[in-house]
Amino acid sequence: MPDTRYLVAAVAVSAAVTWALRALPFAALAPLRASSTVQYLSRRMPAGVMVILLVYCLRDLPVTEPRALAPLTALAVTVGLHLWRRNALLSILGGTAVHVALASTVFAH
C-alpha cells in the first residue's frame, strides 16, 4: 500500500485538476462574451439546431404511409403552437403530447 504522503499528493493533484477544469469555462467566458462571432452564433444557432433536429428526426419517415401521420401531425401542432404563443416549452410539450397520444392510440401497431 502506498504511503500517506503519496495518497495526500494524489488527492491534492486530483482536486487541483478538478477545480481547474471546472473554473476554466468561467475564465474563458468573459472574453468570449464581447466577441461579435459568439454574439452572432448565439442569435442564429437555436434555429439552426432545431432545423438539424427536424431533418434528423424526419429523414427516414415514409410520408406515403399512414404511420407518418402521427409525427407530421405533432410537427404541425408544434409549429402552430409556437406561432400562436411564442413559447418554446409549450410548443415542445404540446407537440410531444400529440405525438405520444396519436402513436400510442390511433396509429398503434
N, C-alpha and C. Protein backbone atom coordinates (compact mmCIF):
# COMPACT_ATOMS: atom_id res chain seq x y z
N MET A 1 0.84 -1.18 0.00
CA MET A 1 0.00 0.00 0.00
C MET A 1 0.89 1.24 0.00
N PRO A 2 0.49 2.27 -0.82
CA PRO A 2 1.29 3.49 -0.87
C PRO A 2 1.29 4.22 0.48
N ASP A 3 2.36 4.99 0.69
CA ASP A 3 2.43 5.70 1.97
C ASP A 3 1.49 6.91 1.97
N THR A 4 1.33 7.49 3.12
CA THR A 4 0.35 8.56 3.33
C THR A 4 0.66 9.80 2.50
N ARG A 5 1.95 10.16 2.38
CA ARG A 5 2.31 11.35 1.60
C ARG A 5 1.92 11.19 0.14
N TYR A 6 2.10 10.01 -0.41
CA TYR A 6 1.73 9.74 -1.80
C TYR A 6 0.22 9.89 -1.98
N LEU A 7 -0.56 9.32 -1.06
CA LEU A 7 -2.02 9.42 -1.15
C LEU A 7 -2.50 10.86 -1.03
N VAL A 8 -1.93 11.63 -0.11
CA VAL A 8 -2.31 13.03 0.05
C VAL A 8 -1.95 13.82 -1.21
N ALA A 9 -0.79 13.55 -1.79
CA ALA A 9 -0.38 14.23 -3.02
C ALA A 9 -1.32 13.87 -4.17
N ALA A 10 -1.71 12.61 -4.26
CA ALA A 10 -2.61 12.18 -5.34
C ALA A 10 -3.97 12.85 -5.20
N VAL A 11 -4.48 12.93 -3.99
CA VAL A 11 -5.77 13.59 -3.76
C VAL A 11 -5.64 15.09 -4.05
N ALA A 12 -4.54 15.72 -3.65
CA ALA A 12 -4.35 17.15 -3.90
C ALA A 12 -4.27 17.45 -5.39
N VAL A 13 -3.52 16.62 -6.12
CA VAL A 13 -3.42 16.82 -7.57
C VAL A 13 -4.78 16.61 -8.23
N SER A 14 -5.50 15.59 -7.83
CA SER A 14 -6.84 15.34 -8.38
C SER A 14 -7.78 16.50 -8.08
N ALA A 15 -7.73 17.02 -6.88
CA ALA A 15 -8.59 18.15 -6.52
C ALA A 15 -8.21 19.39 -7.33
N ALA A 16 -6.92 19.64 -7.50
CA ALA A 16 -6.47 20.81 -8.27
C ALA A 16 -6.90 20.70 -9.73
N VAL A 17 -6.76 19.53 -10.33
CA VAL A 17 -7.16 19.34 -11.72
C VAL A 17 -8.68 19.50 -11.86
N THR A 18 -9.43 18.91 -10.95
CA THR A 18 -10.88 19.03 -10.99
C THR A 18 -11.31 20.49 -10.85
N TRP A 19 -10.73 21.21 -9.92
CA TRP A 19 -11.07 22.61 -9.73
C TRP A 19 -10.73 23.42 -10.98
N ALA A 20 -9.54 23.18 -11.56
CA ALA A 20 -9.12 23.92 -12.75
C ALA A 20 -10.05 23.64 -13.94
N LEU A 21 -10.44 22.39 -14.11
CA LEU A 21 -11.32 22.05 -15.22
C LEU A 21 -12.71 22.66 -15.04
N ARG A 22 -13.15 22.81 -13.82
CA ARG A 22 -14.46 23.43 -13.58
C ARG A 22 -14.38 24.95 -13.67
N ALA A 23 -13.26 25.54 -13.36
CA ALA A 23 -13.10 27.00 -13.40
C ALA A 23 -12.77 27.50 -14.81
N LEU A 24 -12.17 26.65 -15.64
CA LEU A 24 -11.73 27.07 -16.97
C LEU A 24 -12.85 27.65 -17.83
N PRO A 25 -14.03 27.04 -17.92
CA PRO A 25 -15.08 27.64 -18.74
C PRO A 25 -15.48 29.05 -18.28
N PHE A 26 -15.49 29.28 -16.99
CA PHE A 26 -15.86 30.61 -16.49
C PHE A 26 -14.77 31.63 -16.80
N ALA A 27 -13.52 31.20 -16.75
CA ALA A 27 -12.42 32.11 -17.08
C ALA A 27 -12.41 32.43 -18.57
N ALA A 28 -12.78 31.47 -19.41
CA ALA A 28 -12.78 31.68 -20.85
C ALA A 28 -14.04 32.41 -21.32
N LEU A 29 -15.06 32.42 -20.51
CA LEU A 29 -16.34 33.00 -20.91
C LEU A 29 -16.30 34.52 -21.01
N ALA A 30 -15.59 35.19 -20.13
CA ALA A 30 -15.57 36.66 -20.12
C ALA A 30 -15.09 37.25 -21.44
N PRO A 31 -13.95 36.83 -22.00
CA PRO A 31 -13.53 37.41 -23.27
C PRO A 31 -14.45 37.02 -24.44
N LEU A 32 -15.08 35.86 -24.35
CA LEU A 32 -15.95 35.42 -25.44
C LEU A 32 -17.24 36.22 -25.52
N ARG A 33 -17.71 36.73 -24.42
CA ARG A 33 -18.98 37.48 -24.42
C ARG A 33 -18.89 38.73 -25.30
N ALA A 34 -17.71 39.31 -25.41
CA ALA A 34 -17.54 40.52 -26.21
C ALA A 34 -17.32 40.22 -27.69
N SER A 35 -17.12 38.97 -28.04
CA SER A 35 -16.84 38.59 -29.42
C SER A 35 -18.08 38.72 -30.30
N SER A 36 -17.92 39.37 -31.44
CA SER A 36 -19.06 39.52 -32.36
C SER A 36 -19.45 38.18 -32.97
N THR A 37 -18.49 37.28 -33.15
CA THR A 37 -18.81 35.95 -33.69
C THR A 37 -19.67 35.17 -32.72
N VAL A 38 -19.34 35.19 -31.46
CA VAL A 38 -20.13 34.48 -30.46
C VAL A 38 -21.52 35.09 -30.34
N GLN A 39 -21.63 36.39 -30.43
CA GLN A 39 -22.94 37.03 -30.37
C GLN A 39 -23.79 36.65 -31.59
N TYR A 40 -23.17 36.58 -32.76
CA TYR A 40 -23.89 36.15 -33.97
C TYR A 40 -24.37 34.71 -33.82
N LEU A 41 -23.48 33.83 -33.35
CA LEU A 41 -23.85 32.42 -33.17
C LEU A 41 -24.94 32.25 -32.13
N SER A 42 -24.94 33.07 -31.09
CA SER A 42 -25.96 32.94 -30.06
C SER A 42 -27.34 33.33 -30.58
N ARG A 43 -27.38 34.18 -31.61
CA ARG A 43 -28.66 34.55 -32.22
C ARG A 43 -29.10 33.52 -33.26
N ARG A 44 -28.18 32.91 -33.97
CA ARG A 44 -28.52 32.05 -35.10
C ARG A 44 -28.55 30.56 -34.77
N MET A 45 -27.81 30.11 -33.79
CA MET A 45 -27.69 28.68 -33.52
C MET A 45 -28.97 28.00 -33.05
N PRO A 46 -29.80 28.62 -32.22
CA PRO A 46 -31.02 27.91 -31.81
C PRO A 46 -31.87 27.47 -32.99
N ALA A 47 -32.07 28.33 -33.95
CA ALA A 47 -32.85 27.95 -35.13
C ALA A 47 -32.12 26.89 -35.95
N GLY A 48 -30.83 27.03 -36.08
CA GLY A 48 -30.04 26.04 -36.82
C GLY A 48 -30.09 24.67 -36.18
N VAL A 49 -29.98 24.63 -34.87
CA VAL A 49 -30.05 23.36 -34.16
C VAL A 49 -31.43 22.71 -34.34
N MET A 50 -32.48 23.52 -34.28
CA MET A 50 -33.82 22.97 -34.46
C MET A 50 -34.02 22.41 -35.87
N VAL A 51 -33.47 23.08 -36.87
CA VAL A 51 -33.58 22.57 -38.25
C VAL A 51 -32.83 21.25 -38.39
N ILE A 52 -31.65 21.17 -37.80
CA ILE A 52 -30.88 19.92 -37.85
C ILE A 52 -31.64 18.80 -37.16
N LEU A 53 -32.22 19.07 -35.99
CA LEU A 53 -33.01 18.05 -35.28
C LEU A 53 -34.23 17.63 -36.09
N LEU A 54 -34.89 18.57 -36.72
CA LEU A 54 -36.05 18.27 -37.55
C LEU A 54 -35.68 17.35 -38.71
N VAL A 55 -34.61 17.68 -39.41
CA VAL A 55 -34.17 16.84 -40.53
C VAL A 55 -33.77 15.46 -40.03
N TYR A 56 -33.06 15.40 -38.92
CA TYR A 56 -32.63 14.12 -38.36
C TYR A 56 -33.83 13.25 -37.98
N CYS A 57 -34.82 13.84 -37.36
CA CYS A 57 -35.98 13.07 -36.89
C CYS A 57 -36.88 12.62 -38.04
N LEU A 58 -36.97 13.41 -39.08
CA LEU A 58 -37.90 13.09 -40.16
C LEU A 58 -37.22 12.46 -41.39
N ARG A 59 -35.92 12.23 -41.33
CA ARG A 59 -35.20 11.76 -42.52
C ARG A 59 -35.66 10.40 -43.02
N ASP A 60 -36.03 9.48 -42.17
CA ASP A 60 -36.44 8.14 -42.59
C ASP A 60 -37.95 7.94 -42.52
N LEU A 61 -38.69 9.02 -42.41
CA LEU A 61 -40.13 8.93 -42.27
C LEU A 61 -40.79 8.65 -43.63
N PRO A 62 -41.49 7.54 -43.76
CA PRO A 62 -42.17 7.24 -45.02
C PRO A 62 -43.46 8.07 -45.12
N VAL A 63 -43.42 9.19 -45.79
CA VAL A 63 -44.54 10.12 -45.79
C VAL A 63 -45.77 9.58 -46.53
N THR A 64 -45.61 8.49 -47.28
CA THR A 64 -46.76 7.93 -48.00
C THR A 64 -47.51 6.88 -47.19
N GLU A 65 -47.00 6.53 -46.02
CA GLU A 65 -47.66 5.52 -45.18
C GLU A 65 -48.46 6.20 -44.09
N PRO A 66 -49.55 5.55 -43.64
CA PRO A 66 -50.39 6.15 -42.60
C PRO A 66 -49.66 6.40 -41.28
N ARG A 67 -48.67 5.60 -40.97
CA ARG A 67 -47.97 5.77 -39.69
C ARG A 67 -47.18 7.08 -39.64
N ALA A 68 -47.01 7.74 -40.77
CA ALA A 68 -46.32 9.02 -40.80
C ALA A 68 -47.21 10.16 -40.31
N LEU A 69 -48.49 9.90 -40.18
CA LEU A 69 -49.40 10.98 -39.77
C LEU A 69 -49.17 11.44 -38.33
N ALA A 70 -48.78 10.52 -37.45
CA ALA A 70 -48.55 10.92 -36.05
C ALA A 70 -47.43 11.95 -35.93
N PRO A 71 -46.23 11.67 -36.46
CA PRO A 71 -45.18 12.71 -36.32
C PRO A 71 -45.46 13.96 -37.14
N LEU A 72 -46.09 13.82 -38.30
CA LEU A 72 -46.40 15.01 -39.09
C LEU A 72 -47.46 15.87 -38.42
N THR A 73 -48.45 15.24 -37.80
CA THR A 73 -49.46 15.99 -37.05
C THR A 73 -48.82 16.68 -35.84
N ALA A 74 -47.96 15.96 -35.15
CA ALA A 74 -47.26 16.54 -34.00
C ALA A 74 -46.39 17.72 -34.44
N LEU A 75 -45.76 17.59 -35.58
CA LEU A 75 -44.95 18.70 -36.11
C LEU A 75 -45.83 19.91 -36.39
N ALA A 76 -46.98 19.68 -37.01
CA ALA A 76 -47.90 20.78 -37.30
C ALA A 76 -48.40 21.45 -36.02
N VAL A 77 -48.71 20.64 -35.01
CA VAL A 77 -49.16 21.19 -33.72
C VAL A 77 -48.04 22.00 -33.07
N THR A 78 -46.81 21.49 -33.13
CA THR A 78 -45.68 22.20 -32.53
C THR A 78 -45.48 23.55 -33.22
N VAL A 79 -45.48 23.56 -34.54
CA VAL A 79 -45.29 24.81 -35.28
C VAL A 79 -46.46 25.77 -35.00
N GLY A 80 -47.68 25.23 -35.01
CA GLY A 80 -48.84 26.07 -34.75
C GLY A 80 -48.82 26.69 -33.36
N LEU A 81 -48.50 25.88 -32.37
CA LEU A 81 -48.42 26.42 -31.01
C LEU A 81 -47.34 27.48 -30.88
N HIS A 82 -46.21 27.23 -31.55
CA HIS A 82 -45.14 28.21 -31.43
C HIS A 82 -45.49 29.52 -32.14
N LEU A 83 -46.11 29.43 -33.28
CA LEU A 83 -46.51 30.66 -33.97
C LEU A 83 -47.60 31.40 -33.20
N TRP A 84 -48.45 30.65 -32.52
CA TRP A 84 -49.55 31.25 -31.76
C TRP A 84 -49.08 31.89 -30.47
N ARG A 85 -48.31 31.14 -29.67
CA ARG A 85 -47.95 31.61 -28.33
C ARG A 85 -46.50 32.06 -28.18
N ARG A 86 -45.62 31.70 -29.09
CA ARG A 86 -44.19 32.04 -29.00
C ARG A 86 -43.57 31.55 -27.68
N ASN A 87 -43.94 30.35 -27.30
CA ASN A 87 -43.45 29.77 -26.06
C ASN A 87 -42.86 28.40 -26.40
N ALA A 88 -41.53 28.29 -26.33
CA ALA A 88 -40.85 27.06 -26.74
C ALA A 88 -41.29 25.87 -25.88
N LEU A 89 -41.41 26.07 -24.59
CA LEU A 89 -41.79 24.97 -23.71
C LEU A 89 -43.19 24.46 -24.05
N LEU A 90 -44.12 25.36 -24.24
CA LEU A 90 -45.48 24.97 -24.61
C LEU A 90 -45.48 24.23 -25.95
N SER A 91 -44.73 24.73 -26.90
CA SER A 91 -44.67 24.11 -28.22
C SER A 91 -44.12 22.69 -28.15
N ILE A 92 -43.03 22.53 -27.44
CA ILE A 92 -42.39 21.21 -27.33
C ILE A 92 -43.30 20.24 -26.58
N LEU A 93 -43.84 20.67 -25.45
CA LEU A 93 -44.71 19.79 -24.68
C LEU A 93 -45.99 19.44 -25.44
N GLY A 94 -46.57 20.42 -26.11
CA GLY A 94 -47.80 20.17 -26.88
C GLY A 94 -47.56 19.20 -28.02
N GLY A 95 -46.50 19.42 -28.78
CA GLY A 95 -46.18 18.52 -29.89
C GLY A 95 -45.85 17.12 -29.41
N THR A 96 -45.11 17.03 -28.32
CA THR A 96 -44.77 15.71 -27.76
C THR A 96 -46.03 14.99 -27.29
N ALA A 97 -46.91 15.69 -26.61
CA ALA A 97 -48.15 15.08 -26.12
C ALA A 97 -49.01 14.58 -27.28
N VAL A 98 -49.12 15.37 -28.34
CA VAL A 98 -49.90 14.94 -29.50
C VAL A 98 -49.28 13.71 -30.14
N HIS A 99 -47.96 13.72 -30.28
CA HIS A 99 -47.30 12.56 -30.90
C HIS A 99 -47.49 11.30 -30.07
N VAL A 100 -47.29 11.40 -28.77
CA VAL A 100 -47.44 10.24 -27.90
C VAL A 100 -48.88 9.73 -27.93
N ALA A 101 -49.83 10.64 -27.88
CA ALA A 101 -51.24 10.24 -27.89
C ALA A 101 -51.59 9.55 -29.20
N LEU A 102 -51.18 10.11 -30.32
CA LEU A 102 -51.51 9.50 -31.61
C LEU A 102 -50.76 8.20 -31.83
N ALA A 103 -49.49 8.18 -31.50
CA ALA A 103 -48.70 6.97 -31.74
C ALA A 103 -49.12 5.82 -30.85
N SER A 104 -49.63 6.11 -29.66
CA SER A 104 -50.00 5.03 -28.75
C SER A 104 -51.47 4.61 -28.87
N THR A 105 -52.29 5.39 -29.54
CA THR A 105 -53.69 5.03 -29.66
C THR A 105 -54.11 4.84 -31.12
N VAL A 106 -54.13 5.89 -31.87
CA VAL A 106 -54.65 5.84 -33.24
C VAL A 106 -53.76 5.02 -34.17
N PHE A 107 -52.46 5.24 -34.08
CA PHE A 107 -51.54 4.59 -35.02
C PHE A 107 -50.73 3.48 -34.36
N ALA A 108 -51.21 2.90 -33.28
CA ALA A 108 -50.50 1.80 -32.61
C ALA A 108 -50.53 0.57 -33.51
N HIS A 109 -49.44 -0.15 -33.49
CA HIS A 109 -49.33 -1.35 -34.33
C HIS A 109 -49.98 -2.53 -33.65
